[in-house]
N, C-alpha and C. Protein backbone atom coordinates (compact mmCIF):
# COMPACT_ATOMS: atom_id res chain seq x y z
N MET A 1 -19.08 -17.71 84.31
CA MET A 1 -19.45 -18.40 83.10
C MET A 1 -18.31 -18.33 82.08
N TYR A 2 -18.39 -19.21 81.12
CA TYR A 2 -17.40 -19.27 80.06
C TYR A 2 -17.88 -18.47 78.86
N PRO A 3 -16.94 -17.95 78.08
CA PRO A 3 -17.38 -17.35 76.81
C PRO A 3 -18.08 -18.42 75.97
N SER A 4 -19.20 -18.08 75.38
CA SER A 4 -20.01 -19.08 74.69
C SER A 4 -19.27 -19.77 73.55
N ASP A 5 -18.32 -19.11 72.93
CA ASP A 5 -17.60 -19.76 71.83
C ASP A 5 -16.63 -20.83 72.33
N GLU A 6 -16.37 -20.88 73.63
CA GLU A 6 -15.48 -21.88 74.19
C GLU A 6 -16.24 -23.04 74.83
N MET A 7 -17.57 -22.92 74.91
CA MET A 7 -18.37 -23.96 75.55
C MET A 7 -18.71 -25.06 74.55
N PRO A 8 -18.79 -26.30 75.01
CA PRO A 8 -19.20 -27.38 74.12
C PRO A 8 -20.62 -27.12 73.61
N LYS A 9 -20.89 -27.58 72.41
CA LYS A 9 -22.21 -27.40 71.81
C LYS A 9 -22.96 -28.71 71.84
N LEU A 10 -24.28 -28.61 71.91
CA LEU A 10 -25.16 -29.77 71.96
C LEU A 10 -26.32 -29.53 71.01
N THR A 11 -26.56 -30.47 70.12
CA THR A 11 -27.75 -30.42 69.28
C THR A 11 -28.83 -31.18 70.00
N LEU A 12 -29.98 -30.55 70.15
CA LEU A 12 -31.05 -31.13 70.94
C LEU A 12 -32.32 -31.24 70.10
N ARG A 13 -32.91 -32.42 70.07
CA ARG A 13 -34.17 -32.63 69.38
C ARG A 13 -35.26 -32.72 70.43
N ILE A 14 -36.27 -31.86 70.31
CA ILE A 14 -37.37 -31.86 71.27
C ILE A 14 -38.70 -31.82 70.50
N PRO A 15 -39.76 -32.30 71.14
CA PRO A 15 -41.07 -32.26 70.49
C PRO A 15 -41.48 -30.82 70.15
N ALA A 16 -42.25 -30.67 69.08
CA ALA A 16 -42.65 -29.35 68.60
C ALA A 16 -43.40 -28.55 69.66
N ASP A 17 -44.26 -29.21 70.44
CA ASP A 17 -45.01 -28.48 71.45
C ASP A 17 -44.11 -27.94 72.56
N LEU A 18 -43.08 -28.69 72.91
CA LEU A 18 -42.13 -28.23 73.92
C LEU A 18 -41.29 -27.08 73.39
N LYS A 19 -40.92 -27.14 72.14
CA LYS A 19 -40.16 -26.07 71.49
C LYS A 19 -40.98 -24.78 71.48
N LEU A 20 -42.25 -24.88 71.13
CA LEU A 20 -43.12 -23.71 71.11
C LEU A 20 -43.26 -23.12 72.51
N TRP A 21 -43.45 -23.97 73.51
CA TRP A 21 -43.55 -23.52 74.89
C TRP A 21 -42.27 -22.79 75.31
N LEU A 22 -41.12 -23.36 74.95
CA LEU A 22 -39.83 -22.77 75.30
C LEU A 22 -39.67 -21.40 74.62
N GLU A 23 -40.05 -21.30 73.37
CA GLU A 23 -39.96 -20.02 72.66
C GLU A 23 -40.80 -18.95 73.35
N LYS A 24 -42.04 -19.31 73.72
CA LYS A 24 -42.93 -18.36 74.39
C LYS A 24 -42.39 -17.96 75.76
N LYS A 25 -41.91 -18.93 76.51
CA LYS A 25 -41.37 -18.66 77.85
C LYS A 25 -40.15 -17.75 77.74
N ALA A 26 -39.28 -18.01 76.79
CA ALA A 26 -38.09 -17.19 76.61
C ALA A 26 -38.48 -15.74 76.27
N LYS A 27 -39.47 -15.60 75.43
CA LYS A 27 -39.91 -14.24 75.06
C LYS A 27 -40.50 -13.52 76.27
N ARG A 28 -41.36 -14.22 77.03
CA ARG A 28 -41.98 -13.62 78.22
C ARG A 28 -40.94 -13.18 79.24
N GLU A 29 -39.90 -13.99 79.39
CA GLU A 29 -38.88 -13.72 80.41
C GLU A 29 -37.69 -12.92 79.88
N SER A 30 -37.76 -12.52 78.62
CA SER A 30 -36.65 -11.80 77.98
C SER A 30 -35.33 -12.54 78.18
N ALA A 31 -35.38 -13.84 77.95
CA ALA A 31 -34.20 -14.68 78.11
C ALA A 31 -34.04 -15.53 76.84
N SER A 32 -32.86 -16.06 76.66
CA SER A 32 -32.67 -16.96 75.52
C SER A 32 -33.17 -18.36 75.88
N GLN A 33 -33.50 -19.10 74.87
CA GLN A 33 -33.91 -20.48 75.08
C GLN A 33 -32.76 -21.26 75.72
N ASN A 34 -31.56 -20.99 75.30
CA ASN A 34 -30.40 -21.65 75.86
C ASN A 34 -30.29 -21.39 77.36
N THR A 35 -30.49 -20.15 77.76
CA THR A 35 -30.43 -19.79 79.18
C THR A 35 -31.45 -20.58 79.98
N LEU A 36 -32.67 -20.67 79.48
CA LEU A 36 -33.72 -21.40 80.19
C LEU A 36 -33.39 -22.89 80.31
N ILE A 37 -32.83 -23.46 79.26
CA ILE A 37 -32.44 -24.88 79.30
C ILE A 37 -31.32 -25.09 80.32
N ILE A 38 -30.32 -24.21 80.31
CA ILE A 38 -29.21 -24.31 81.26
C ILE A 38 -29.72 -24.18 82.69
N GLN A 39 -30.63 -23.23 82.94
CA GLN A 39 -31.18 -23.06 84.28
C GLN A 39 -31.90 -24.32 84.75
N ALA A 40 -32.69 -24.92 83.87
CA ALA A 40 -33.42 -26.14 84.23
C ALA A 40 -32.47 -27.30 84.51
N LEU A 41 -31.43 -27.42 83.71
CA LEU A 41 -30.46 -28.49 83.92
C LEU A 41 -29.68 -28.28 85.21
N ARG A 42 -29.28 -27.04 85.49
CA ARG A 42 -28.56 -26.74 86.74
C ARG A 42 -29.42 -27.06 87.95
N LYS A 43 -30.70 -26.67 87.89
CA LYS A 43 -31.62 -26.93 88.99
C LYS A 43 -31.73 -28.43 89.24
N SER A 44 -31.84 -29.20 88.19
CA SER A 44 -31.91 -30.66 88.31
C SER A 44 -30.60 -31.22 88.86
N GLN A 45 -29.49 -30.69 88.38
CA GLN A 45 -28.17 -31.13 88.85
C GLN A 45 -28.03 -30.88 90.35
N GLU A 46 -28.43 -29.69 90.79
CA GLU A 46 -28.32 -29.35 92.21
C GLU A 46 -29.24 -30.22 93.07
N ALA A 47 -30.41 -30.54 92.54
CA ALA A 47 -31.37 -31.35 93.29
C ALA A 47 -30.90 -32.77 93.48
N THR A 48 -30.05 -33.24 92.58
CA THR A 48 -29.57 -34.61 92.66
C THR A 48 -28.12 -34.72 93.14
N ALA A 49 -27.51 -33.60 93.49
CA ALA A 49 -26.13 -33.61 93.96
C ALA A 49 -26.00 -34.47 95.21
N GLY A 50 -25.01 -35.30 95.22
CA GLY A 50 -24.76 -36.14 96.38
C GLY A 50 -25.61 -37.39 96.46
N LYS A 51 -26.42 -37.62 95.45
CA LYS A 51 -27.27 -38.81 95.46
C LYS A 51 -26.63 -39.93 94.68
């Protein structure tokens, strides 16, 4: 991974209910919201690789 200060930044607007769900999930999993978003995007990227 890259040091976070060297990574591009993205401002993301999401519905309030999704934000609340993400906050709760992050707390349950002792992970950052950013980590969970990156994991979901990577999973999607891998699922569509080569298509």
